[in-house]
Amino acid sequence: MDEVISKILQMDETARKMDEEAQAEKIASHEEVKKKRQEVYEQYLENAKAHVEEYKTKAKKDYESTWKETVKHYDDISKDLERKFANNKDRWVEEIVNGVLSYNSQ
């Protein structure tokens, strides 16, 4: 009978150790999952930041390109108007004066 009780106590001790090991493994697994989740989250943030920086760089280049085109467009218009004025100012002044004088003589 003592032998049976001794075997039962030994089996109980073995079962308790196995349970403790399983609980420790469960805790370690939870910690590993938390750690892995944090790593994935940090990697996601790094990727998102890289994409944002890439987008900002591209948007800045596009803006600068558009701005340069706009400035060139209005510079060309300004130069064209200055050229037309230089070529036609005397004639325009004469037409205006003649128009005013002809209006006054009526």
N, C-alpha and C. Protein backbone atom coordinates (compact mmCIF):
# COMPACT_ATOMS: atom_id res chain seq x y z
N MET A 1 0.82 -1.19 0.00
CA MET A 1 0.00 0.00 0.00
C MET A 1 0.87 1.26 0.00
N ASP A 2 1.93 1.22 0.79
CA ASP A 2 2.85 2.36 0.81
C ASP A 2 3.44 2.60 -0.56
N GLU A 3 3.68 1.50 -1.24
CA GLU A 3 4.23 1.62 -2.59
C GLU A 3 3.25 2.31 -3.53
N VAL A 4 1.99 2.00 -3.42
CA VAL A 4 0.96 2.61 -4.27
C VAL A 4 0.86 4.10 -3.95
N ILE A 5 0.84 4.45 -2.69
CA ILE A 5 0.76 5.87 -2.29
C ILE A 5 2.00 6.60 -2.77
N SER A 6 3.16 5.97 -2.63
CA SER A 6 4.40 6.58 -3.10
C SER A 6 4.34 6.82 -4.59
N LYS A 7 3.82 5.86 -5.34
CA LYS A 7 3.70 6.00 -6.81
C LYS A 7 2.73 7.13 -7.14
N ILE A 8 1.61 7.20 -6.41
CA ILE A 8 0.62 8.25 -6.65
C ILE A 8 1.24 9.62 -6.38
N LEU A 9 1.98 9.74 -5.27
CA LEU A 9 2.64 11.02 -4.93
C LEU A 9 3.69 11.38 -5.97
N GLN A 10 4.40 10.38 -6.45
CA GLN A 10 5.41 10.64 -7.49
C GLN A 10 4.73 11.09 -8.78
N MET A 11 3.63 10.43 -9.13
CA MET A 11 2.89 10.82 -10.33
C MET A 11 2.32 12.23 -10.17
N ASP A 12 1.83 12.54 -8.97
CA ASP A 12 1.30 13.88 -8.71
C ASP A 12 2.41 14.92 -8.84
N GLU A 13 3.56 14.63 -8.30
CA GLU A 13 4.70 15.55 -8.39
C GLU A 13 5.10 15.75 -9.86
N THR A 14 5.13 14.66 -10.62
CA THR A 14 5.47 14.75 -12.04
C THR A 14 4.42 15.58 -12.78
N ALA A 15 3.16 15.37 -12.46
CA ALA A 15 2.07 16.13 -13.10
C ALA A 15 2.18 17.61 -12.75
N ARG A 16 2.50 17.92 -11.50
CA ARG A 16 2.66 19.33 -11.09
C ARG A 16 3.82 19.99 -11.85
N LYS A 17 4.93 19.27 -11.98
CA LYS A 17 6.07 19.81 -12.72
C LYS A 17 5.69 20.06 -14.18
N MET A 18 4.98 19.10 -14.76
CA MET A 18 4.56 19.25 -16.15
C MET A 18 3.62 20.45 -16.29
N ASP A 19 2.72 20.62 -15.31
CA ASP A 19 1.80 21.75 -15.34
C ASP A 19 2.56 23.07 -15.20
N GLU A 20 3.53 23.11 -14.30
CA GLU A 20 4.35 24.33 -14.12
C GLU A 20 5.13 24.64 -15.39
N GLU A 21 5.69 23.62 -16.02
CA GLU A 21 6.42 23.82 -17.26
C GLU A 21 5.49 24.31 -18.36
N ALA A 22 4.28 23.75 -18.42
CA ALA A 22 3.31 24.18 -19.42
C ALA A 22 2.90 25.63 -19.18
N GLN A 23 2.69 25.98 -17.92
CA GLN A 23 2.33 27.36 -17.59
C GLN A 23 3.47 28.31 -17.95
N ALA A 24 4.69 27.92 -17.65
CA ALA A 24 5.85 28.75 -17.99
C ALA A 24 5.97 28.90 -19.51
N GLU A 25 5.73 27.79 -20.22
CA GLU A 25 5.79 27.83 -21.69
C GLU A 25 4.67 28.71 -22.24
N LYS A 26 3.50 28.65 -21.62
CA LYS A 26 2.38 29.48 -22.04
C LYS A 26 2.72 30.96 -21.85
N ILE A 27 3.28 31.30 -20.71
CA ILE A 27 3.68 32.69 -20.43
C ILE A 27 4.75 33.13 -21.42
N ALA A 28 5.72 32.26 -21.66
CA ALA A 28 6.79 32.59 -22.61
C ALA A 28 6.21 32.78 -24.02
N SER A 29 5.24 31.96 -24.39
CA SER A 29 4.61 32.09 -25.71
C SER A 29 3.87 33.41 -25.81
N HIS A 30 3.15 33.79 -24.76
CA HIS A 30 2.45 35.07 -24.76
C HIS A 30 3.43 36.24 -24.89
N GLU A 31 4.54 36.13 -24.18
CA GLU A 31 5.56 37.18 -24.26
C GLU A 31 6.16 37.24 -25.67
N GLU A 32 6.39 36.08 -26.26
CA GLU A 32 6.94 36.03 -27.61
C GLU A 32 5.96 36.63 -28.62
N VAL A 33 4.67 36.35 -28.44
CA VAL A 33 3.65 36.92 -29.32
C VAL A 33 3.61 38.44 -29.16
N LYS A 34 3.67 38.92 -27.92
CA LYS A 34 3.67 40.37 -27.69
C LYS A 34 4.89 41.01 -28.33
N LYS A 35 6.04 40.37 -28.18
CA LYS A 35 7.27 40.89 -28.76
C LYS A 35 7.17 40.92 -30.28
N LYS A 36 6.67 39.84 -30.86
CA LYS A 36 6.54 39.75 -32.32
C LYS A 36 5.54 40.79 -32.82
N ARG A 37 4.44 40.98 -32.10
CA ARG A 37 3.44 41.97 -32.47
C ARG A 37 4.07 43.37 -32.48
N GLN A 38 4.87 43.67 -31.47
CA GLN A 38 5.54 44.98 -31.39
C GLN A 38 6.53 45.15 -32.55
N GLU A 39 7.26 44.09 -32.89
CA GLU A 39 8.20 44.15 -34.01
C GLU A 39 7.47 44.42 -35.32
N VAL A 40 6.34 43.73 -35.53
CA VAL A 40 5.56 43.93 -36.75
C VAL A 40 5.04 45.37 -36.80
N TYR A 41 4.54 45.86 -35.67
CA TYR A 41 4.02 47.22 -35.61
C TYR A 41 5.12 48.24 -35.92
N GLU A 42 6.30 48.05 -35.33
CA GLU A 42 7.41 48.97 -35.58
C GLU A 42 7.86 48.92 -37.04
N GLN A 43 7.87 47.72 -37.61
CA GLN A 43 8.24 47.59 -39.02
C GLN A 43 7.21 48.29 -39.90
N TYR A 44 5.94 48.15 -39.56
CA TYR A 44 4.88 48.83 -40.30
C TYR A 44 5.07 50.34 -40.24
N LEU A 45 5.37 50.86 -39.04
CA LEU A 45 5.60 52.30 -38.90
C LEU A 45 6.80 52.76 -39.72
N GLU A 46 7.86 51.99 -39.71
CA GLU A 46 9.03 52.35 -40.51
C GLU A 46 8.69 52.40 -42.00
N ASN A 47 7.96 51.39 -42.46
CA ASN A 47 7.55 51.36 -43.87
C ASN A 47 6.64 52.53 -44.20
N ALA A 48 5.71 52.83 -43.30
CA ALA A 48 4.79 53.95 -43.54
C ALA A 48 5.57 55.27 -43.59
N LYS A 49 6.52 55.45 -42.69
CA LYS A 49 7.32 56.68 -42.70
C LYS A 49 8.13 56.79 -43.99
N ALA A 50 8.66 55.67 -44.45
CA ALA A 50 9.43 55.68 -45.70
C ALA A 50 8.54 56.06 -46.87
N HIS A 51 7.32 55.51 -46.89
CA HIS A 51 6.38 55.85 -47.97
C HIS A 51 5.99 57.32 -47.91
N VAL A 52 5.79 57.84 -46.72
CA VAL A 52 5.43 59.26 -46.57
C VAL A 52 6.57 60.14 -47.06
N GLU A 53 7.79 59.81 -46.69
CA GLU A 53 8.95 60.60 -47.13
C GLU A 53 9.09 60.54 -48.65
N GLU A 54 8.89 59.35 -49.21
CA GLU A 54 8.97 59.18 -50.66
C GLU A 54 7.89 60.03 -51.34
N TYR A 55 6.69 60.01 -50.80
CA TYR A 55 5.59 60.79 -51.37
C TYR A 55 5.88 62.29 -51.25
N LYS A 56 6.40 62.71 -50.09
CA LYS A 56 6.72 64.13 -49.90
C LYS A 56 7.78 64.59 -50.91
N THR A 57 8.79 63.77 -51.11
CA THR A 57 9.85 64.11 -52.06
C THR A 57 9.29 64.23 -53.47
N LYS A 58 8.45 63.27 -53.86
CA LYS A 58 7.85 63.30 -55.20
C LYS A 58 6.92 64.50 -55.34
N ALA A 59 6.12 64.77 -54.32
CA ALA A 59 5.19 65.91 -54.38
C ALA A 59 5.96 67.22 -54.49
N LYS A 60 7.08 67.33 -53.77
CA LYS A 60 7.89 68.54 -53.83
C LYS A 60 8.47 68.73 -55.23
N LYS A 61 8.97 67.64 -55.82
CA LYS A 61 9.52 67.72 -57.18
C LYS A 61 8.44 68.13 -58.17
N ASP A 62 7.25 67.50 -58.04
CA ASP A 62 6.15 67.84 -58.93
C ASP A 62 5.76 69.31 -58.77
N TYR A 63 5.69 69.78 -57.53
CA TYR A 63 5.34 71.17 -57.27
C TYR A 63 6.36 72.12 -57.89
N GLU A 64 7.64 71.81 -57.68
CA GLU A 64 8.70 72.67 -58.22
C GLU A 64 8.66 72.69 -59.74
N SER A 65 8.41 71.54 -60.33
CA SER A 65 8.33 71.46 -61.79
C SER A 65 7.15 72.29 -62.30
N THR A 66 6.01 72.14 -61.68
CA THR A 66 4.82 72.90 -62.08
C THR A 66 5.06 74.39 -61.89
N TRP A 67 5.69 74.74 -60.77
CA TRP A 67 5.98 76.16 -60.49
C TRP A 67 6.90 76.74 -61.57
N LYS A 68 7.94 76.01 -61.94
CA LYS A 68 8.87 76.48 -62.97
C LYS A 68 8.14 76.66 -64.31
N GLU A 69 7.27 75.72 -64.65
CA GLU A 69 6.51 75.84 -65.89
C GLU A 69 5.59 77.06 -65.86
N THR A 70 4.97 77.31 -64.71
CA THR A 70 4.07 78.46 -64.57
C THR A 70 4.84 79.76 -64.70
N VAL A 71 5.98 79.85 -64.02
CA VAL A 71 6.81 81.05 -64.09
C VAL A 71 7.27 81.28 -65.53
N LYS A 72 7.70 80.23 -66.21
CA LYS A 72 8.15 80.36 -67.60
C LYS A 72 7.00 80.83 -68.49
N HIS A 73 5.82 80.27 -68.28
CA HIS A 73 4.65 80.64 -69.08
C HIS A 73 4.37 82.14 -68.93
N TYR A 74 4.34 82.63 -67.70
CA TYR A 74 4.03 84.05 -67.50
C TYR A 74 5.19 84.96 -67.91
N ASP A 75 6.42 84.48 -67.80
CA ASP A 75 7.56 85.24 -68.33
C ASP A 75 7.46 85.38 -69.84
N ASP A 76 7.08 84.29 -70.51
CA ASP A 76 6.91 84.33 -71.97
C ASP A 76 5.80 85.32 -72.36
N ILE A 77 4.69 85.28 -71.64
CA ILE A 77 3.59 86.23 -71.92
C ILE A 77 4.06 87.66 -71.70
N SER A 78 4.77 87.89 -70.60
CA SER A 78 5.27 89.24 -70.29
C SER A 78 6.22 89.73 -71.38
N LYS A 79 7.14 88.87 -71.81
CA LYS A 79 8.07 89.25 -72.87
C LYS A 79 7.34 89.53 -74.18
N ASP A 80 6.33 88.72 -74.48
CA ASP A 80 5.55 88.93 -75.70
C ASP A 80 4.82 90.28 -75.64
N LEU A 81 4.24 90.60 -74.49
CA LEU A 81 3.55 91.89 -74.36
C LEU A 81 4.54 93.05 -74.47
N GLU A 82 5.70 92.91 -73.86
CA GLU A 82 6.71 93.97 -73.95
C GLU A 82 7.17 94.16 -75.40
N ARG A 83 7.35 93.05 -76.12
CA ARG A 83 7.75 93.12 -77.52
C ARG A 83 6.66 93.80 -78.35
N LYS A 84 5.42 93.42 -78.14
CA LYS A 84 4.31 94.04 -78.88
C LYS A 84 4.22 95.53 -78.56
N PHE A 85 4.41 95.88 -77.30
CA PHE A 85 4.36 97.29 -76.92
C PHE A 85 5.49 98.07 -77.60
N ALA A 86 6.69 97.50 -77.56
CA ALA A 86 7.84 98.19 -78.16
C ALA A 86 7.63 98.36 -79.67
N ASN A 87 7.05 97.37 -80.33
CA ASN A 87 6.85 97.44 -81.78
C ASN A 87 5.67 98.33 -82.19
N ASN A 88 4.70 98.49 -81.30
CA ASN A 88 3.45 99.16 -81.71
C ASN A 88 3.12 100.43 -80.93
N LYS A 89 3.93 100.82 -79.97
CA LYS A 89 3.54 101.93 -79.10
C LYS A 89 3.29 103.22 -79.88
N ASP A 90 4.18 103.55 -80.82
CA ASP A 90 4.00 104.80 -81.57
C ASP A 90 2.70 104.76 -82.37
N ARG A 91 2.43 103.66 -83.02
CA ARG A 91 1.20 103.54 -83.81
C ARG A 91 -0.03 103.60 -82.91
N TRP A 92 0.03 102.93 -81.75
CA TRP A 92 -1.11 102.94 -80.83
C TRP A 92 -1.38 104.34 -80.29
N VAL A 93 -0.29 105.04 -79.94
CA VAL A 93 -0.46 106.41 -79.44
C VAL A 93 -1.10 107.27 -80.51
N GLU A 94 -0.62 107.13 -81.74
CA GLU A 94 -1.18 107.92 -82.85
C GLU A 94 -2.65 107.58 -83.07
N GLU A 95 -3.02 106.30 -83.01
CA GLU A 95 -4.42 105.91 -83.20
C GLU A 95 -5.30 106.47 -82.08
N ILE A 96 -4.79 106.43 -80.87
CA ILE A 96 -5.56 106.96 -79.75
C ILE A 96 -5.75 108.47 -79.89
N VAL A 97 -4.67 109.17 -80.20
CA VAL A 97 -4.76 110.62 -80.36
C VAL A 97 -5.71 110.96 -81.51
N ASN A 98 -5.56 110.31 -82.65
CA ASN A 98 -6.45 110.56 -83.78
C ASN A 98 -7.89 110.24 -83.44
N GLY A 99 -8.10 109.17 -82.69
CA GLY A 99 -9.46 108.81 -82.29
C GLY A 99 -10.08 109.86 -81.40
N VAL A 100 -9.29 110.36 -80.43
CA VAL A 100 -9.80 111.39 -79.52
C VAL A 100 -10.04 112.69 -80.30
N LEU A 101 -9.11 113.06 -81.19
CA LEU A 101 -9.27 114.30 -81.95
C LEU A 101 -10.47 114.21 -82.90
N SER A 102 -10.65 113.04 -83.52
CA SER A 102 -11.78 112.90 -84.42
C SER A 102 -13.09 112.89 -83.65
N TYR A 103 -13.10 112.42 -82.47
CA TYR A 103 -14.31 112.41 -81.63
C TYR A 103 -14.65 113.84 -81.22
N ASN A 104 -13.61 114.64 -80.88
CA ASN A 104 -13.82 116.02 -80.45
C ASN A 104 -14.26 116.91 -81.62
N SER A 105 -13.86 116.58 -82.82
CA SER A 105 -14.21 117.42 -83.97
C SER A 105 -15.61 117.17 -84.47
N GLN A 106 -16.27 116.17 -83.97
CA GLN A 106 -17.63 115.88 -84.43
C GLN A 106 -18.64 116.76 -83.82
